[in-house]
Amino acid sequence: MKKPIALVLAMLLLGATAQAAEYQIDTKGAHAFVQFRIKHLGYSWLYGRFDDFNGSFFYDDKKPEASSVNVNIDVTSLNSNHAERDKHLRGADFLNTAKFPTATFKSTSFEPLENGKARLNGELTLHGITKPITIQVTNIGGGKDPWGGYRQGFSGTTEFELKDFGIDYNLGPASQTVEMILDIEGIRI
């Protein structure tokens, strides 16, 4: 009689820890995006993205405050759907990708809020400068996929001043703040 109880307890304990896991960001399946937008002269929005990046995150839905994220972005993969503009944005006036080809984000804390919302705090290194940023996060959901894996998805937004990262090309006062839109789906490792 003790064996079935021990087996049930073991299964419950395994089930409780099964939700705490590390996830690889699914960039190969095109289920993750690092996008940006900034006002162009204050008259319209310029949208772009970084096509090459990788990373992972740890998430425990029972203890979300223990979550963490690490992301590496190949800044040379900037794509605003216009080759000449991309060349300018990669150049010395803006990102200077010849000198600073990589940007990184490493989380320092995850603060759960209500209704699947959270604040993800961390250190962004861009253009050779590291500064703290906060990303407003929404948990999109998680569960089994059709291939026998388990996935978890989040969406986030943040904004920062270009000058905070040493980018001081003047496109006017309405074009000083960049907004980042981050959508990631991770596959449990």
Protein backbone atom coordinates (compact mmCIF):
# COMPACT_ATOMS: atom_id res chain seq x y z
CA MET A 1 0.00 0.00 0.00
CA LYS A 2 2.92 2.35 0.67
CA LYS A 3 4.33 1.97 -2.86
CA PRO A 4 1.29 3.49 -4.63
CA ILE A 5 1.28 6.44 -2.19
CA ALA A 6 5.00 7.00 -2.73
CA LEU A 7 4.47 6.79 -6.50
CA VAL A 8 1.61 9.32 -6.37
CA LEU A 9 3.69 11.68 -4.22
CA ALA A 10 6.65 11.36 -6.59
CA MET A 11 4.39 12.08 -9.57
CA LEU A 12 2.93 15.14 -7.83
CA LEU A 13 6.39 16.45 -6.99
CA LEU A 14 7.61 15.88 -10.55
CA GLY A 15 4.48 17.54 -11.91
CA ALA A 16 5.01 20.56 -9.64
CA THR A 17 8.58 21.06 -10.83
CA ALA A 18 7.80 20.32 -14.47
CA GLN A 19 6.57 23.91 -14.94
CA ALA A 20 9.92 25.38 -13.90
CA ALA A 21 12.10 25.13 -16.97
CA GLU A 22 14.59 26.73 -19.29
CA TYR A 23 13.40 27.63 -22.76
CA GLN A 24 15.34 28.24 -25.96
CA ILE A 25 13.94 31.21 -27.89
CA ASP A 26 12.49 29.85 -31.14
CA THR A 27 14.23 31.98 -33.77
CA LYS A 28 14.64 29.09 -36.23
CA GLY A 29 10.87 28.62 -36.50
CA ALA A 30 10.31 32.37 -36.87
CA HIS A 31 8.28 32.53 -33.67
CA ALA A 32 10.27 35.34 -32.09
CA PHE A 33 10.78 38.95 -33.12
CA VAL A 34 12.87 41.91 -31.96
CA GLN A 35 11.32 44.96 -33.59
CA PHE A 36 11.59 48.70 -33.18
CA ARG A 37 9.88 51.89 -34.21
CA ILE A 38 10.92 55.51 -34.05
CA LYS A 39 9.28 58.65 -35.38
CA HIS A 40 10.77 59.90 -38.62
CA LEU A 41 11.11 63.66 -38.23
CA GLY A 42 7.92 63.56 -36.17
CA TYR A 43 5.81 62.95 -39.30
CA SER A 44 5.56 59.17 -39.51
CA TRP A 45 6.81 55.96 -37.93
CA LEU A 46 9.88 54.09 -39.13
CA TYR A 47 9.64 50.38 -38.33
CA GLY A 48 12.44 47.84 -38.35
CA ARG A 49 13.65 44.60 -36.86
CA PHE A 50 16.75 42.57 -36.11
CA ASP A 51 16.65 39.35 -38.09
CA ASP A 52 19.41 37.46 -36.22
CA PHE A 53 19.30 36.96 -32.47
CA ASN A 54 19.31 34.13 -29.98
CA GLY A 55 18.73 33.56 -26.33
CA SER A 56 17.02 31.65 -23.60
CA PHE A 57 14.83 32.23 -20.60
CA PHE A 58 13.93 30.47 -17.39
CA TYR A 59 10.29 30.55 -16.33
CA ASP A 60 8.41 28.99 -13.43
CA ASP A 61 4.69 29.77 -13.44
CA LYS A 62 4.53 28.78 -9.75
CA LYS A 63 7.33 31.20 -8.86
CA PRO A 64 7.51 33.76 -11.70
CA GLU A 65 9.74 36.12 -9.71
CA ALA A 66 12.55 33.60 -10.27
CA SER A 67 12.34 34.10 -14.05
CA SER A 68 15.33 35.28 -16.06
CA VAL A 69 16.21 36.13 -19.68
CA ASN A 70 19.41 36.39 -21.74
CA VAL A 71 19.37 37.60 -25.35
CA ASN A 72 22.13 38.32 -27.89
CA ILE A 73 21.29 40.42 -30.96
CA ASP A 74 23.36 40.62 -34.13
CA VAL A 75 22.90 44.36 -34.72
CA THR A 76 24.28 44.01 -38.27
CA SER A 77 21.05 42.11 -39.09
CA LEU A 78 19.02 45.34 -38.82
CA ASN A 79 16.29 45.37 -41.46
CA SER A 80 13.98 48.35 -42.07
CA ASN A 81 12.96 47.13 -45.53
CA HIS A 82 15.13 49.75 -47.27
CA ALA A 83 18.75 48.87 -48.12
CA GLU A 84 20.15 52.42 -48.23
CA ARG A 85 18.49 53.39 -44.94
CA ASP A 86 19.75 50.16 -43.36
CA LYS A 87 23.28 51.02 -44.45
CA HIS A 88 22.94 54.45 -42.82
CA LEU A 89 21.45 53.02 -39.60
CA ARG A 90 24.29 50.48 -39.37
CA GLY A 91 26.87 53.24 -39.94
CA ALA A 92 28.71 55.57 -37.57
CA ASP A 93 25.80 58.07 -37.35
CA PHE A 94 23.65 55.51 -35.53
CA LEU A 95 24.54 51.94 -34.47
CA ASN A 96 28.14 51.80 -35.75
CA THR A 97 27.87 48.05 -36.25
CA ALA A 98 31.46 47.81 -37.50
CA LYS A 99 32.58 48.69 -33.96
CA PHE A 100 29.56 47.37 -31.99
CA PRO A 101 28.13 44.36 -33.89
CA THR A 102 26.28 42.87 -30.91
CA ALA A 103 23.68 44.05 -28.42
CA THR A 104 22.76 42.05 -25.32
CA PHE A 105 20.03 41.99 -22.73
CA LYS A 106 20.45 40.25 -19.38
CA SER A 107 17.62 40.39 -16.86
CA THR A 108 18.17 41.38 -13.25
CA SER A 109 14.63 40.84 -11.90
CA PHE A 110 11.13 39.82 -12.90
CA GLU A 111 8.24 41.49 -11.04
CA PRO A 112 4.88 39.74 -11.55
CA LEU A 113 1.84 42.02 -11.65
CA GLU A 114 -1.82 41.13 -12.22
CA ASN A 115 -3.47 39.40 -15.19
CA GLY A 116 -0.34 37.85 -16.68
CA LYS A 117 1.53 41.16 -16.72
CA ALA A 118 5.02 41.74 -15.32
CA ARG A 119 7.97 44.10 -15.29
CA LEU A 120 11.23 42.62 -16.55
CA ASN A 121 14.22 44.66 -15.41
CA GLY A 122 17.64 44.18 -16.87
CA GLU A 123 20.79 45.53 -18.45
CA LEU A 124 20.79 46.43 -22.14
CA THR A 125 24.16 46.79 -23.83
CA LEU A 126 23.86 48.71 -27.10
CA HIS A 127 26.43 50.75 -29.00
CA GLY A 128 29.02 49.77 -26.38
CA ILE A 129 27.02 51.25 -23.48
CA THR A 130 25.21 49.29 -20.77
CA LYS A 131 22.13 50.82 -19.11
CA PRO A 132 19.22 49.48 -17.06
CA ILE A 133 15.88 49.20 -18.84
CA THR A 134 12.43 47.91 -17.89
CA ILE A 135 10.33 45.85 -20.27
CA GLN A 136 6.56 45.69 -19.73
CA VAL A 137 5.73 42.01 -20.27
CA THR A 138 2.55 40.08 -20.99
CA ASN A 139 2.47 36.29 -20.67
CA ILE A 140 0.73 35.12 -23.84
CA GLY A 141 0.50 31.50 -22.74
CA GLY A 142 2.15 28.13 -22.61
CA GLY A 143 1.44 24.49 -23.29
CA LYS A 144 2.20 21.39 -25.29
CA ASP A 145 2.89 21.72 -29.00
CA PRO A 146 1.89 19.19 -31.72
CA TRP A 147 5.45 17.78 -31.85
CA GLY A 148 5.66 16.63 -28.24
CA GLY A 149 7.40 19.72 -26.88
CA TYR A 150 6.31 22.44 -24.51
CA ARG A 151 6.25 26.14 -25.38
CA GLN A 152 5.86 29.40 -23.51
CA GLY A 153 5.26 32.82 -25.09
CA PHE A 154 5.63 36.43 -23.98
CA SER A 155 5.25 39.87 -25.51
CA GLY A 156 7.02 42.96 -24.24
CA THR A 157 7.55 46.64 -24.91
CA THR A 158 10.06 49.21 -23.75
CA GLU A 159 11.37 52.56 -24.87
CA PHE A 160 14.54 54.53 -24.31
CA GLU A 161 16.34 57.64 -25.47
CA LEU A 162 18.93 57.09 -28.21
CA LYS A 163 21.30 59.53 -26.49
CA ASP A 164 21.37 57.25 -23.42
CA PHE A 165 23.29 54.79 -25.60
CA GLY A 166 25.58 57.37 -27.20
CA ILE A 167 23.54 57.76 -30.39
CA ASP A 168 23.14 61.49 -30.92
CA TYR A 169 22.30 61.93 -34.61
CA ASN A 170 19.73 64.73 -34.69
CA LEU A 171 16.51 63.95 -36.52
CA GLY A 172 14.57 66.47 -34.43
CA PRO A 173 12.98 66.37 -30.98
CA ALA A 174 10.23 63.94 -31.98
CA SER A 175 12.82 61.36 -33.10
CA GLN A 176 14.83 60.85 -29.95
CA THR A 177 12.95 57.94 -28.36
CA VAL A 178 12.95 54.43 -29.81
CA GLU A 179 10.26 51.91 -28.92
CA MET A 180 11.11 48.21 -28.85
CA ILE A 181 8.50 45.51 -29.43
CA LEU A 182 9.62 42.05 -28.35
CA ASP A 183 7.67 38.87 -29.01
CA ILE A 184 9.22 35.58 -28.02
CA GLU A 185 8.15 31.97 -28.01
CA GLY A 186 10.40 29.55 -26.24
CA ILE A 187 10.72 25.79 -26.54
CA ARG A 188 11.41 23.99 -23.27
CA ILE A 189 14.89 22.49 -23.25
